[in-house]
Amino acid sequence: MRYRLVAVFCLVFASLLAPLAVAQTVDSPGRAEVPVTDGSEAARTEAVAEAVDQVILRLSGDPSVLTSDLAAELQRNADRYLQGYAYREAEDTESGSGGLRLIARFDIQRLREALVEAEVPIWPDRPPTVLVWLGRDLEGEREIVGAGDDEPLRAEWVASAKDLGINLFFPIMDLQDLSAVRFVDLAGGFSEPVAEASERYGADQILAGRIADTDGGRIDGRWMVLSGQGDVERWREQASDPSALLDRTLDSLVTRLRETFAYLPDLQARGRMQIEVAGIVDLGVHERVTERLTEMSGVERVNPVRVQEDVVQFELAISTTEARVMDALGRDGRLAGSDAEYRWE
C-alpha cells in the first residue's frame, strides 16, 4: 500500500506543474435572481442593482452592509461587475413569485475585493457549513426534523441561510441517528450525544435545539452551538410564530459564525506555511484532506511537497496570518494535533 501510494503521488507531481488547488463554494455564489417589470434597459438597470445586493450579502453574511455607502456605490456601478444576464418567465403566479425574472451573474472575485477594500469582513471561499439538529414540539407533535422530511420550516430556513452565505443541512435520521440522538437530548440541551452523532457529517459547527409552543401562545426556542473544539454556547429565543423564531435564531447564529469565520484577507499577501498530516493511507483520503485544507479561511492553494509512509507534508499559500490558519486547523474535528503536526481522523 505504501509503495502504491508513493507511486500515485509521483504521477500527481509529474502531471501537475501548477500548484494543486481544490475549492468548494456555495452553489453559484455570484448568481442572483430578481423580479423585473419588463425587458427595458431602465428596468434591467434597476434589477441588476437589486441583484448585486443579494451577492454582497451572500459574500459577507452582514445585512448592515446593504445600507452602507459601499452598497450604494456597488448598486450605481453594478454593470461593472456583471458577467452576464438572462430572463425567464416564472410560472408560479398564484404565490406572487411569478412573472418575468432577471438572472444575473457577477464577478465574485472583484466583489470580494471591493468588500475587503472597504474593510467589510467576508466569508472564506467555502463558507461555513452548519449541521442542524432541530427538535420540533408544535401542536402536539414531537419530531426531530431530518434532511428528507417534507417540512416547510426546514426548506425556508435553508434558503434564508443561503441568502446569508452559509450552508445549513440536517441529519438524514437513519437508524444510526435515531439511536444516537433522542428528542429529550435536544429538549434538555445534552451536548455529548449530539457531538458524537455529528462526527460522521464533518460540519464546521453544529446547531442543536428544540422549538415548542408555550401557554402564552408564543414559540420558545432553546439552542446550543457546538464547535469543533468541544465548546458549547447556549441561548434562548422567543417569537410570535415558528418562522419568526427561526429568523431570529439564524441572525444569532450568523453573528456567532462571523466572529469565527469572517475575515479580511490580505489581498497582496502571498504567505507560505507548512504542516504535516498523518493518516493519509490512500489517494481518496489525500483528496479529502486537500479539500478540507483549501476550504479554510485564508488558504488559497495547497501543495503536497513530501510523502513518507502515511504522512504528507503540505505547503499552504495563505492570504492571512499563519496564526489564523492554525486557529482554523485547531477547530477542525477531523484534524487532531497541533504545532503543524496533525492526523486525519
C-alpha atoms as a PDB file:
ATOM      1  CA  MET A   1       0.000   0.000   0.000  1.00  0.00           C
ATOM      2  CA  ARG A   2       2.805   2.431   0.919  1.00  0.00           C
ATOM      3  CA  TYR A   3       4.638   1.922  -2.405  1.00  0.00           C
ATOM      4  CA  ARG A   4       1.406   2.183  -4.380  1.00  0.00           C
ATOM      5  CA  LEU A   5       0.561   5.441  -2.587  1.00  0.00           C
ATOM      6  CA  VAL A   6       4.009   6.911  -3.284  1.00  0.00           C
ATOM      7  CA  ALA A   7       3.704   5.878  -6.937  1.00  0.00           C
ATOM      8  CA  VAL A   8       0.373   7.647  -7.232  1.00  0.00           C
ATOM      9  CA  PHE A   9       1.865  10.828  -5.736  1.00  0.00           C
ATOM     10  CA  CYS A  10       4.740  10.632  -8.214  1.00  0.00           C
ATOM     11  CA  LEU A  11       2.233  10.602 -11.050  1.00  0.00           C
ATOM     12  CA  VAL A  12       0.447  13.563  -9.486  1.00  0.00           C
ATOM     13  CA  PHE A  13       3.679  15.561  -9.194  1.00  0.00           C
ATOM     14  CA  ALA A  14       4.710  14.681 -12.739  1.00  0.00           C
ATOM     15  CA  SER A  15       1.401  15.743 -14.247  1.00  0.00           C
ATOM     16  CA  LEU A  16       0.868  18.974 -12.298  1.00  0.00           C
ATOM     17  CA  LEU A  17       3.273  21.838 -12.852  1.00  0.00           C
ATOM     18  CA  ALA A  18       0.916  24.327 -11.221  1.00  0.00           C
ATOM     19  CA  PRO A  19       0.015  24.048  -7.535  1.00  0.00           C
ATOM     20  CA  LEU A  20      -2.728  21.608  -6.659  1.00  0.00           C
ATOM     21  CA  ALA A  21      -5.872  23.505  -5.588  1.00  0.00           C
ATOM     22  CA  VAL A  22      -9.273  22.231  -4.687  1.00  0.00           C
ATOM     23  CA  ALA A  23     -12.105  24.676  -3.998  1.00  0.00           C
ATOM     24  CA  GLN A  24     -15.662  24.249  -2.843  1.00  0.00           C
ATOM     25  CA  THR A  25     -18.093  27.128  -2.601  1.00  0.00           C
ATOM     26  CA  VAL A  26     -21.760  27.691  -2.005  1.00  0.00           C
ATOM     27  CA  ASP A  27     -23.904  26.905  -5.046  1.00  0.00           C
ATOM     28  CA  SER A  28     -23.402  29.680  -7.622  1.00  0.00           C
ATOM     29  CA  PRO A  29     -22.418  32.438  -5.160  1.00  0.00           C
ATOM     30  CA  GLY A  30     -22.269  35.008  -7.956  1.00  0.00           C
ATOM     31  CA  ARG A  31     -25.757  34.222  -9.295  1.00  0.00           C
ATOM     32  CA  ALA A  32     -28.812  36.236  -8.291  1.00  0.00           C
ATOM     33  CA  GLU A  33     -32.400  36.190  -9.485  1.00  0.00           C
ATOM     34  CA  VAL A  34     -34.813  39.101  -9.033  1.00  0.00           C
ATOM     35  CA  PRO A  35     -38.221  40.137 -10.432  1.00  0.00           C
ATOM     36  CA  VAL A  36     -38.184  42.653 -13.254  1.00  0.00           C
ATOM     37  CA  THR A  37     -41.095  44.623 -14.681  1.00  0.00           C
ATOM     38  CA  ASP A  38     -40.116  44.261 -18.346  1.00  0.00           C
ATOM     39  CA  GLY A  39     -37.135  43.843 -20.677  1.00  0.00           C
ATOM     40  CA  SER A  40     -36.312  47.532 -20.976  1.00  0.00           C
ATOM     41  CA  GLU A  41     -32.868  48.918 -20.164  1.00  0.00           C
ATOM     42  CA  ALA A  42     -34.228  51.007 -17.295  1.00  0.00           C
ATOM     43  CA  ALA A  43     -35.922  48.009 -15.690  1.00  0.00           C
ATOM     44  CA  ARG A  44     -32.793  45.891 -16.185  1.00  0.00           C
ATOM     45  CA  THR A  45     -30.569  48.534 -14.540  1.00  0.00           C
ATOM     46  CA  GLU A  46     -32.851  48.614 -11.502  1.00  0.00           C
ATOM     47  CA  ALA A  47     -32.970  44.819 -11.287  1.00  0.00           C
ATOM     48  CA  VAL A  48     -29.179  44.449 -11.608  1.00  0.00           C
ATOM     49  CA  ALA A  49     -28.699  46.900  -8.727  1.00  0.00           C
ATOM     50  CA  GLU A  50     -31.056  44.778  -6.599  1.00  0.00           C
ATOM     51  CA  ALA A  51     -29.254  41.611  -7.653  1.00  0.00           C
ATOM     52  CA  VAL A  52     -25.810  42.878  -6.628  1.00  0.00           C
ATOM     53  CA  ASP A  53     -27.199  43.413  -3.124  1.00  0.00           C
ATOM     54  CA  GLN A  54     -28.023  39.703  -2.958  1.00  0.00           C
ATOM     55  CA  VAL A  55     -24.472  38.749  -3.875  1.00  0.00           C
ATOM     56  CA  ILE A  56     -22.642  41.062  -1.456  1.00  0.00           C
ATOM     57  CA  LEU A  57     -24.934  39.877   1.349  1.00  0.00           C
ATOM     58  CA  ARG A  58     -24.090  36.280   0.464  1.00  0.00           C
ATOM     59  CA  LEU A  59     -20.349  37.032   0.391  1.00  0.00           C
ATOM     60  CA  SER A  60     -20.310  38.883   3.719  1.00  0.00           C
ATOM     61  CA  GLY A  61     -23.233  37.495   5.729  1.00  0.00           C
ATOM     62  CA  ASP A  62     -23.686  41.007   7.109  1.00  0.00           C
ATOM     63  CA  PRO A  63     -27.121  42.630   6.480  1.00  0.00           C
ATOM     64  CA  SER A  64     -25.816  46.028   7.640  1.00  0.00           C
ATOM     65  CA  VAL A  65     -23.599  46.231   4.557  1.00  0.00           C
ATOM     66  CA  LEU A  66     -26.740  46.754   2.429  1.00  0.00           C
ATOM     67  CA  THR A  67     -27.299  50.191   3.984  1.00  0.00           C
ATOM     68  CA  SER A  68     -23.675  51.282   3.669  1.00  0.00           C
ATOM     69  CA  ASP A  69     -22.085  53.758   1.270  1.00  0.00           C
ATOM     70  CA  LEU A  70     -20.292  50.804  -0.306  1.00  0.00           C
ATOM     71  CA  ALA A  71     -23.580  49.124  -1.230  1.00  0.00           C
ATOM     72  CA  ALA A  72     -24.857  52.352  -2.773  1.00  0.00           C
ATOM     73  CA  GLU A  73     -21.677  52.624  -4.841  1.00  0.00           C
ATOM     74  CA  LEU A  74     -21.877  48.999  -5.970  1.00  0.00           C
ATOM     75  CA  GLN A  75     -25.527  49.474  -6.956  1.00  0.00           C
ATOM     76  CA  ARG A  76     -24.646  52.521  -9.075  1.00  0.00           C
ATOM     77  CA  ASN A  77     -21.807  50.620 -10.770  1.00  0.00           C
ATOM     78  CA  ALA A  78     -23.317  47.135 -10.763  1.00  0.00           C
ATOM     79  CA  ASP A  79     -22.806  46.732 -14.529  1.00  0.00           C
ATOM     80  CA  ARG A  80     -19.027  46.858 -14.000  1.00  0.00           C
ATOM     81  CA  TYR A  81     -19.229  43.607 -12.037  1.00  0.00           C
ATOM     82  CA  LEU A  82     -21.861  41.952 -14.223  1.00  0.00           C
ATOM     83  CA  GLN A  83     -20.630  38.983 -16.252  1.00  0.00           C
ATOM     84  CA  GLY A  84     -23.929  38.125 -17.902  1.00  0.00           C
ATOM     85  CA  TYR A  85     -27.689  38.099 -17.521  1.00  0.00           C
ATOM     86  CA  ALA A  86     -30.777  36.389 -18.886  1.00  0.00           C
ATOM     87  CA  TYR A  87     -34.539  36.486 -18.457  1.00  0.00           C
ATOM     88  CA  ARG A  88     -37.001  33.777 -17.605  1.00  0.00           C
ATOM     89  CA  GLU A  89     -40.753  33.668 -17.194  1.00  0.00           C
ATOM     90  CA  ALA A  90     -41.695  32.244 -13.811  1.00  0.00           C
ATOM     91  CA  GLU A  91     -44.778  30.054 -13.746  1.00  0.00           C
ATOM     92  CA  ASP A  92     -45.849  30.276 -10.102  1.00  0.00           C
ATOM     93  CA  THR A  93     -48.195  33.264 -10.343  1.00  0.00           C
ATOM     94  CA  GLU A  94     -50.514  32.086  -7.517  1.00  0.00           C
ATOM     95  CA  SER A  95     -47.858  32.611  -4.834  1.00  0.00           C
ATOM     96  CA  GLY A  96     -46.896  36.015  -6.177  1.00  0.00           C
ATOM     97  CA  SER A  97     -43.449  34.819  -7.296  1.00  0.00           C
ATOM     98  CA  GLY A  98     -44.390  34.504 -10.945  1.00  0.00           C
ATOM     99  CA  GLY A  99     -43.785  36.917 -13.790  1.00  0.00           C
ATOM    100  CA  LEU A 100     -40.621  37.993 -15.537  1.00  0.00           C
ATOM    101  CA  ARG A 101     -37.362  37.343 -13.671  1.00  0.00           C
ATOM    102  CA  LEU A 102     -33.835  38.549 -14.371  1.00  0.00           C
ATOM    103  CA  ILE A 103     -30.967  36.136 -13.690  1.00  0.00           C
ATOM    104  CA  ALA A 104     -27.652  37.946 -13.206  1.00  0.00           C
ATOM    105  CA  ARG A 105     -24.140  36.531 -12.828  1.00  0.00           C
ATOM    106  CA  PHE A 106     -21.461  38.657 -11.176  1.00  0.00           C
ATOM    107  CA  ASP A 107     -17.669  38.560 -10.874  1.00  0.00           C
ATOM    108  CA  ILE A 108     -17.465  37.480  -7.232  1.00  0.00           C
ATOM    109  CA  GLN A 109     -13.687  37.891  -7.037  1.00  0.00           C
ATOM    110  CA  ARG A 110     -13.955  41.596  -7.839  1.00  0.00           C
ATOM    111  CA  LEU A 111     -16.878  41.992  -5.438  1.00  0.00           C
ATOM    112  CA  ARG A 112     -14.916  40.245  -2.687  1.00  0.00           C
ATOM    113  CA  GLU A 113     -12.038  42.658  -3.314  1.00  0.00           C
ATOM    114  CA  ALA A 114     -14.409  45.634  -3.131  1.00  0.00           C
ATOM    115  CA  LEU A 115     -15.758  44.439   0.217  1.00  0.00           C
ATOM    116  CA  VAL A 116     -12.285  43.818   1.633  1.00  0.00           C
ATOM    117  CA  GLU A 117     -11.003  47.200   0.461  1.00  0.00           C
ATOM    118  CA  ALA A 118     -13.949  48.756   2.323  1.00  0.00           C
ATOM    119  CA  GLU A 119     -12.920  46.701   5.390  1.00  0.00           C
ATOM    120  CA  VAL A 120     -16.020  44.508   5.318  1.00  0.00           C
ATOM    121  CA  PRO A 121     -15.073  41.012   6.560  1.00  0.00           C
ATOM    122  CA  ILE A 122     -16.113  38.252   4.159  1.00  0.00           C
ATOM    123  CA  TRP A 123     -16.670  34.531   4.303  1.00  0.00           C
ATOM    124  CA  PRO A 124     -13.895  32.265   3.041  1.00  0.00           C
ATOM    125  CA  ASP A 125     -14.341  30.879  -0.475  1.00  0.00           C
ATOM    126  CA  ARG A 126     -16.129  27.904   1.040  1.00  0.00           C
ATOM    127  CA  PRO A 127     -18.316  29.434   3.754  1.00  0.00           C
ATOM    128  CA  PRO A 128     -19.104  27.546   6.976  1.00  0.00           C
ATOM    129  CA  THR A 129     -21.401  24.543   6.984  1.00  0.00           C
ATOM    130  CA  VAL A 130     -23.736  24.043   9.941  1.00  0.00           C
ATOM    131  CA  LEU A 131     -25.390  20.760  10.865  1.00  0.00           C
ATOM    132  CA  VAL A 132     -28.797  21.393  12.467  1.00  0.00           C
ATOM    133  CA  TRP A 133     -30.438  19.057  14.960  1.00  0.00           C
ATOM    134  CA  LEU A 134     -33.919  20.551  15.287  1.00  0.00           C
ATOM    135  CA  GLY A 135     -36.476  19.126  17.676  1.00  0.00           C
ATOM    136  CA  ARG A 136     -39.998  20.277  16.785  1.00  0.00           C
ATOM    137  CA  ASP A 137     -42.701  20.212  19.501  1.00  0.00           C
ATOM    138  CA  LEU A 138     -45.609  22.070  17.918  1.00  0.00           C
ATOM    139  CA  GLU A 139     -49.382  21.476  18.016  1.00  0.00           C
ATOM    140  CA  GLY A 140     -48.988  18.286  19.995  1.00  0.00           C
ATOM    141  CA  GLU A 141     -46.473  16.643  17.636  1.00  0.00           C
ATOM    142  CA  ARG A 142     -42.857  15.885  18.524  1.00  0.00           C
ATOM    143  CA  GLU A 143     -40.195  15.011  15.997  1.00  0.00           C
ATOM    144  CA  ILE A 144     -36.575  15.570  15.043  1.00  0.00           C
ATOM    145  CA  VAL A 145     -36.501  17.173  11.621  1.00  0.00           C
ATOM    146  CA  GLY A 146     -34.475  15.190   9.090  1.00  0.00           C
ATOM    147  CA  ALA A 147     -32.968  16.049   5.728  1.00  0.00           C
ATOM    148  CA  GLY A 148     -35.636  14.176   3.793  1.00  0.00           C
ATOM    149  CA  ASP A 149     -38.663  15.477   5.676  1.00  0.00           C
ATOM    150  CA  ASP A 150     -41.336  17.451   3.870  1.00  0.00           C
ATOM    151  CA  GLU A 151     -41.099  20.261   6.402  1.00  0.00           C
ATOM    152  CA  PRO A 152     -41.692  23.807   5.080  1.00  0.00           C
ATOM    153  CA  LEU A 153     -39.806  25.339   8.003  1.00  0.00           C
ATOM    154  CA  ARG A 154     -36.685  23.360   7.106  1.00  0.00           C
ATOM    155  CA  ALA A 155     -36.761  24.456   3.456  1.00  0.00           C
ATOM    156  CA  GLU A 156     -37.416  28.063   4.459  1.00  0.00           C
ATOM    157  CA  TRP A 157     -34.541  28.061   6.926  1.00  0.00           C
ATOM    158  CA  VAL A 158     -32.060  26.547   4.466  1.00  0.00           C
ATOM    159  CA  ALA A 159     -32.995  29.134   1.835  1.00  0.00           C
ATOM    160  CA  SER A 160     -32.664  32.029   4.292  1.00  0.00           C
ATOM    161  CA  ALA A 161     -29.237  30.767   5.362  1.00  0.00           C
ATOM    162  CA  LYS A 162     -28.053  30.579   1.750  1.00  0.00           C
ATOM    163  CA  ASP A 163     -29.054  34.230   1.314  1.00  0.00           C
ATOM    164  CA  LEU A 164     -26.565  34.986   4.111  1.00  0.00           C
ATOM    165  CA  GLY A 165     -23.864  32.839   2.539  1.00  0.00           C
ATOM    166  CA  ILE A 166     -23.902  29.831   4.868  1.00  0.00           C
ATOM    167  CA  ASN A 167     -24.976  26.223   4.332  1.00  0.00           C
ATOM    168  CA  LEU A 168     -27.408  24.668   6.782  1.00  0.00           C
ATOM    169  CA  PHE A 169     -28.048  20.957   6.452  1.00  0.00           C
ATOM    170  CA  PHE A 170     -29.941  18.413   8.512  1.00  0.00           C
ATOM    171  CA  PRO A 171     -29.121  14.848   9.610  1.00  0.00           C
ATOM    172  CA  ILE A 172     -30.501  12.053   7.482  1.00  0.00           C
ATOM    173  CA  MET A 173     -32.135  10.480  10.560  1.00  0.00           C
ATOM    174  CA  ASP A 174     -31.378   6.893   9.623  1.00  0.00           C
ATOM    175  CA  LEU A 175     -31.203   4.140  12.243  1.00  0.00           C
ATOM    176  CA  GLN A 176     -27.780   5.356  13.384  1.00  0.00           C
ATOM    177  CA  ASP A 177     -29.035   8.896  14.023  1.00  0.00           C
ATOM    178  CA  LEU A 178     -32.289   7.710  15.606  1.00  0.00           C
ATOM    179  CA  SER A 179     -30.425   5.548  18.091  1.00  0.00           C
ATOM    180  CA  ALA A 180     -27.826   8.241  18.859  1.00  0.00           C
ATOM    181  CA  VAL A 181     -29.960  11.357  19.430  1.00  0.00           C
ATOM    182  CA  ARG A 182     -33.386  11.470  21.061  1.00  0.00           C
ATOM    183  CA  PHE A 183     -35.817  14.342  21.316  1.00  0.00           C
ATOM    184  CA  VAL A 184     -35.136  14.571  25.053  1.00  0.00           C
ATOM    185  CA  ASP A 185     -31.441  15.215  24.289  1.00  0.00           C
ATOM    186  CA  LEU A 186     -32.376  18.291  22.255  1.00  0.00           C
ATOM    187  CA  ALA A 187     -35.009  19.479  24.731  1.00  0.00           C
ATOM    188  CA  GLY A 188     -32.638  19.044  27.660  1.00  0.00           C
ATOM    189  CA  GLY A 189     -29.601  20.571  25.972  1.00  0.00           C
ATOM    190  CA  PHE A 190     -27.416  17.454  26.296  1.00  0.00           C
ATOM    191  CA  SER A 191     -24.431  18.150  24.071  1.00  0.00           C
ATOM    192  CA  GLU A 192     -22.499  14.862  24.324  1.00  0.00           C
ATOM    193  CA  PRO A 193     -24.820  12.621  22.248  1.00  0.00           C
ATOM    194  CA  VAL A 194     -25.253  15.388  19.682  1.00  0.00           C
ATOM    195  CA  ALA A 195     -21.493  15.877  19.337  1.00  0.00           C
ATOM    196  CA  GLU A 196     -20.861  12.147  18.920  1.00  0.00           C
ATOM    197  CA  ALA A 197     -23.653  11.694  16.356  1.00  0.00           C
ATOM    198  CA  SER A 198     -22.428  14.697  14.375  1.00  0.00           C
ATOM    199  CA  GLU A 199     -18.906  13.392  13.781  1.00  0.00           C
ATOM    200  CA  ARG A 200     -19.973  11.450  10.683  1.00  0.00           C
ATOM    201  CA  TYR A 201     -21.167  14.657   8.973  1.00  0.00           C
ATOM    202  CA  GLY A 202     -17.981  16.753   9.150  1.00  0.00           C
ATOM    203  CA  ALA A 203     -19.731  20.113   9.654  1.00  0.00           C
ATOM    204  CA  ASP A 204     -17.831  23.235  10.676  1.00  0.00           C
ATOM    205  CA  GLN A 205     -20.281  23.859  13.501  1.00  0.00           C
ATOM    206  CA  ILE A 206     -23.347  22.214  14.987  1.00  0.00           C
ATOM    207  CA  LEU A 207     -26.595  23.912  15.969  1.00  0.00           C
ATOM    208  CA  ALA A 208     -28.959  21.890  18.149  1.00  0.00           C
ATOM    209  CA  GLY A 209     -32.155  22.719  19.975  1.00  0.00           C
ATOM    210  CA  ARG A 210     -35.896  22.468  20.126  1.00  0.00           C
ATOM    211  CA  ILE A 211     -38.792  24.778  19.358  1.00  0.00           C
ATOM    212  CA  ALA A 212     -42.073  24.414  21.271  1.00  0.00           C
ATOM    213  CA  ASP A 213     -45.457  26.016  21.898  1.00  0.00           C
ATOM    214  CA  THR A 214     -45.904  27.927  25.157  1.00  0.00           C
ATOM    215  CA  ASP A 215     -49.026  28.542  27.236  1.00  0.00           C
ATOM    216  CA  GLY A 216     -48.851  32.205  26.258  1.00  0.00           C
ATOM    217  CA  GLY A 217     -49.194  31.430  22.571  1.00  0.00           C
ATOM    218  CA  ARG A 218     -45.582  32.251  21.730  1.00  0.00           C
ATOM    219  CA  ILE A 219     -42.952  29.902  20.338  1.00  0.00           C
ATOM    220  CA  ASP A 220     -39.960  29.140  22.558  1.00  0.00           C
ATOM    221  CA  GLY A 221     -36.570  28.040  21.231  1.00  0.00           C
ATOM    222  CA  ARG A 222     -33.662  26.686  23.242  1.00  0.00           C
ATOM    223  CA  TRP A 223     -30.396  26.388  21.353  1.00  0.00           C
ATOM    224  CA  MET A 224     -26.780  25.358  21.663  1.00  0.00           C
ATOM    225  CA  VAL A 225     -23.877  25.744  19.265  1.00  0.00           C
ATOM    226  CA  LEU A 226     -21.081  23.167  19.369  1.00  0.00           C
ATOM    227  CA  SER A 227     -17.694  23.979  17.876  1.00  0.00           C
ATOM    228  CA  GLY A 228     -15.043  21.552  16.688  1.00  0.00           C
ATOM    229  CA  GLN A 229     -13.045  22.206  19.864  1.00  0.00           C
ATOM    230  CA  GLY A 230     -15.829  20.937  22.108  1.00  0.00           C
ATOM    231  CA  ASP A 231     -17.028  24.373  23.248  1.00  0.00           C
ATOM    232  CA  VAL A 232     -20.777  24.745  23.836  1.00  0.00           C
ATOM    233  CA  GLU A 233     -22.682  28.036  23.805  1.00  0.00           C
ATOM    234  CA  ARG A 234     -26.348  28.129  24.813  1.00  0.00           C
ATOM    235  CA  TRP A 235     -29.081  30.727  24.397  1.00  0.00           C
ATOM    236  CA  ARG A 236     -32.841  31.115  24.199  1.00  0.00           C
ATOM    237  CA  GLU A 237     -35.178  32.877  21.772  1.00  0.00           C
ATOM    238  CA  GLN A 238     -38.933  33.565  21.706  1.00  0.00           C
ATOM    239  CA  ALA A 239     -41.168  34.834  18.905  1.00  0.00           C
ATOM    240  CA  SER A 240     -44.794  35.005  17.833  1.00  0.00           C
ATOM    241  CA  ASP A 241     -44.555  32.117  15.333  1.00  0.00           C
ATOM    242  CA  PRO A 242     -42.085  29.399  14.266  1.00  0.00           C
ATOM    243  CA  SER A 243     -40.938  31.248  11.152  1.00  0.00           C
ATOM    244  CA  ALA A 244     -40.118  34.422  13.102  1.00  0.00           C
ATOM    245  CA  LEU A 245     -38.315  32.358  15.747  1.00  0.00           C
ATOM    246  CA  LEU A 246     -36.111  30.660  13.171  1.00  0.00           C
ATOM    247  CA  ASP A 247     -35.302  34.040  11.592  1.00  0.00           C
ATOM    248  CA  ARG A 248     -34.147  35.375  14.963  1.00  0.00           C
ATOM    249  CA  THR A 249     -32.162  32.218  15.629  1.00  0.00           C
ATOM    250  CA  LEU A 250     -30.496  32.463  12.230  1.00  0.00           C
ATOM    251  CA  ASP A 251     -29.487  36.068  12.950  1.00  0.00           C
ATOM    252  CA  SER A 252     -27.911  34.985  16.253  1.00  0.00           C
ATOM    253  CA  LEU A 253     -26.173  32.055  14.567  1.00  0.00           C
ATOM    254  CA  VAL A 254     -24.704  34.143  11.751  1.00  0.00           C
ATOM    255  CA  THR A 255     -23.418  36.721  14.232  1.00  0.00           C
ATOM    256  CA  ARG A 256     -21.562  33.938  16.063  1.00  0.00           C
ATOM    257  CA  LEU A 257     -20.265  32.427  12.824  1.00  0.00           C
ATOM    258  CA  ARG A 258     -18.962  35.765  11.598  1.00  0.00           C
ATOM    259  CA  GLU A 259     -16.911  36.178  14.765  1.00  0.00           C
ATOM    260  CA  THR A 260     -15.148  32.911  13.966  1.00  0.00           C
ATOM    261  CA  PHE A 261     -15.084  32.579  10.182  1.00  0.00           C
ATOM    262  CA  ALA A 262     -15.460  36.004   8.513  1.00  0.00           C
ATOM    263  CA  TYR A 263     -12.133  37.713   7.904  1.00  0.00           C
ATOM    264  CA  LEU A 264     -10.285  40.390   5.976  1.00  0.00           C
ATOM    265  CA  PRO A 265      -7.795  38.653   3.684  1.00  0.00           C
ATOM    266  CA  ASP A 266      -4.649  40.494   2.746  1.00  0.00           C
ATOM    267  CA  LEU A 267      -5.196  40.886  -0.990  1.00  0.00           C
ATOM    268  CA  GLN A 268      -1.474  41.446  -1.557  1.00  0.00           C
ATOM    269  CA  ALA A 269      -0.168  38.699   0.707  1.00  0.00           C
ATOM    270  CA  ARG A 270       1.419  35.558  -0.646  1.00  0.00           C
ATOM    271  CA  GLY A 271       2.484  33.925   2.569  1.00  0.00           C
ATOM    272  CA  ARG A 272       3.602  30.306   2.949  1.00  0.00           C
ATOM    273  CA  MET A 273       3.410  27.806   5.773  1.00  0.00           C
ATOM    274  CA  GLN A 274       3.939  24.052   6.042  1.00  0.00           C
ATOM    275  CA  ILE A 275       2.095  21.385   8.003  1.00  0.00           C
ATOM    276  CA  GLU A 276       2.280  17.598   8.214  1.00  0.00           C
ATOM    277  CA  VAL A 277      -0.787  15.370   8.212  1.00  0.00           C
ATOM    278  CA  ALA A 278      -0.595  11.689   9.155  1.00  0.00           C
ATOM    279  CA  GLY A 279      -3.218   9.048   8.452  1.00  0.00           C
ATOM    280  CA  ILE A 280      -3.282   9.580   4.670  1.00  0.00           C
ATOM    281  CA  VAL A 281      -3.500   5.947   3.598  1.00  0.00           C
ATOM    282  CA  ASP A 282      -4.724   6.318   0.017  1.00  0.00           C
ATOM    283  CA  LEU A 283      -5.426   8.874  -2.693  1.00  0.00           C
ATOM    284  CA  GLY A 284      -9.042   9.264  -1.626  1.00  0.00           C
ATOM    285  CA  VAL A 285      -8.010  10.383   1.855  1.00  0.00           C
ATOM    286  CA  HIS A 286      -5.406  12.678   0.308  1.00  0.00           C
ATOM    287  CA  GLU A 287      -8.089  14.358  -1.802  1.00  0.00           C
ATOM    288  CA  ARG A 288     -10.381  14.820   1.209  1.00  0.00           C
ATOM    289  CA  VAL A 289      -7.569  16.322   3.308  1.00  0.00           C
ATOM    290  CA  THR A 290      -6.544  18.653   0.470  1.00  0.00           C
ATOM    291  CA  GLU A 291     -10.128  19.768   0.005  1.00  0.00           C
ATOM    292  CA  ARG A 292     -10.543  20.359   3.734  1.00  0.00           C
ATOM    293  CA  LEU A 293      -7.363  22.455   3.910  1.00  0.00           C
ATOM    294  CA  THR A 294      -8.325  24.554   0.899  1.00  0.00           C
ATOM    295  CA  GLU A 295     -11.719  25.290   2.445  1.00  0.00           C
ATOM    296  CA  MET A 296     -10.168  27.034   5.440  1.00  0.00           C
ATOM    297  CA  SER A 297     -10.222  30.797   5.835  1.00  0.00           C
ATOM    298  CA  GLY A 298      -7.210  32.411   4.187  1.00  0.00           C
ATOM    299  CA  VAL A 299      -5.865  29.271   2.475  1.00  0.00           C
ATOM    300  CA  GLU A 300      -5.548  29.983  -1.243  1.00  0.00           C
ATOM    301  CA  ARG A 301      -3.611  26.949  -2.510  1.00  0.00           C
ATOM    302  CA  VAL A 302      -2.479  23.588  -1.160  1.00  0.00           C
ATOM    303  CA  ASN A 303       0.665  21.804  -2.388  1.00  0.00           C
ATOM    304  CA  PRO A 304       1.831  18.334  -1.276  1.00  0.00           C
ATOM    305  CA  VAL A 305       5.630  18.588  -1.084  1.00  0.00           C
ATOM    306  CA  ARG A 306       6.737  15.325   0.584  1.00  0.00           C
ATOM    307  CA  VAL A 307       5.287  11.844   1.181  1.00  0.00           C
ATOM    308  CA  GLN A 308       6.664   9.409   3.774  1.00  0.00           C
ATOM    309  CA  GLU A 309       4.545   6.337   4.509  1.00  0.00           C
ATOM    310  CA  ASP A 310       1.145   7.728   5.624  1.00  0.00           C
ATOM    311  CA  VAL A 311       2.458  11.237   6.372  1.00  0.00           C
ATOM    312  CA  VAL A 312       2.182  14.037   3.807  1.00  0.00           C
ATOM    313  CA  GLN A 313       3.818  17.421   4.189  1.00  0.00           C
ATOM    314  CA  PHE A 314       1.728  20.217   2.680  1.00  0.00           C
ATOM    315  CA  GLU A 315       2.733  23.746   1.774  1.00  0.00           C
ATOM    316  CA  LEU A 316      -0.120  26.227   2.127  1.00  0.00           C
ATOM    317  CA  ALA A 317      -0.266  29.522   0.245  1.00  0.00           C
ATOM    318  CA  ILE A 318      -2.129  31.853   2.585  1.00  0.00           C
ATOM    319  CA  SER A 319      -3.676  35.316   2.341  1.00  0.00           C
ATOM    320  CA  THR A 320      -3.996  35.824   6.090  1.00  0.00           C
ATOM    321  CA  THR A 321      -1.798  35.334   9.141  1.00  0.00           C
ATOM    322  CA  GLU A 322      -0.322  31.965   9.997  1.00  0.00           C
ATOM    323  CA  ALA A 323      -1.907  32.226  13.456  1.00  0.00           C
ATOM    324  CA  ARG A 324      -5.391  32.488  11.942  1.00  0.00           C
ATOM    325  CA  VAL A 325      -4.822  29.396   9.816  1.00  0.00           C
ATOM    326  CA  MET A 326      -3.509  27.491  12.850  1.00  0.00           C
ATOM    327  CA  ASP A 327      -6.624  28.536  14.727  1.00  0.00           C
ATOM    328  CA  ALA A 328      -8.826  27.174  11.917  1.00  0.00           C
ATOM    329  CA  LEU A 329      -6.862  23.916  11.935  1.00  0.00           C
ATOM    330  CA  GLY A 330      -7.375  23.618  15.674  1.00  0.00           C
ATOM    331  CA  ARG A 331     -11.159  23.955  15.243  1.00  0.00           C
ATOM    332  CA  ASP A 332     -11.390  21.174  12.674  1.00  0.00           C
ATOM    333  CA  GLY A 333     -12.783  17.989  14.206  1.00  0.00           C
ATOM    334  CA  ARG A 334     -11.147  15.758  11.577  1.00  0.00           C
ATOM    335  CA  LEU A 335      -7.600  17.064  12.141  1.00  0.00           C
ATOM    336  CA  ALA A 336      -6.243  16.083  15.544  1.00  0.00           C
ATOM    337  CA  GLY A 337      -2.978  17.623  16.714  1.00  0.00           C
ATOM    338  CA  SER A 338      -1.184  20.960  16.917  1.00  0.00           C
ATOM    339  CA  ASP A 339       2.094  22.747  16.161  1.00  0.00           C
ATOM    340  CA  ALA A 340       1.850  21.942  12.441  1.00  0.00           C
ATOM    341  CA  GLU A 341       1.606  18.167  13.032  1.00  0.00           C
ATOM    342  CA  TYR A 342      -1.857  16.653  12.565  1.00  0.00           C
ATOM    343  CA  ARG A 343      -3.592  13.339  11.984  1.00  0.00           C
ATOM    344  CA  TRP A 344      -6.661  12.805   9.829  1.00  0.00           C
ATOM    345  CA  GLU A 345      -9.364  11.031  11.834  1.00  0.00           C
END
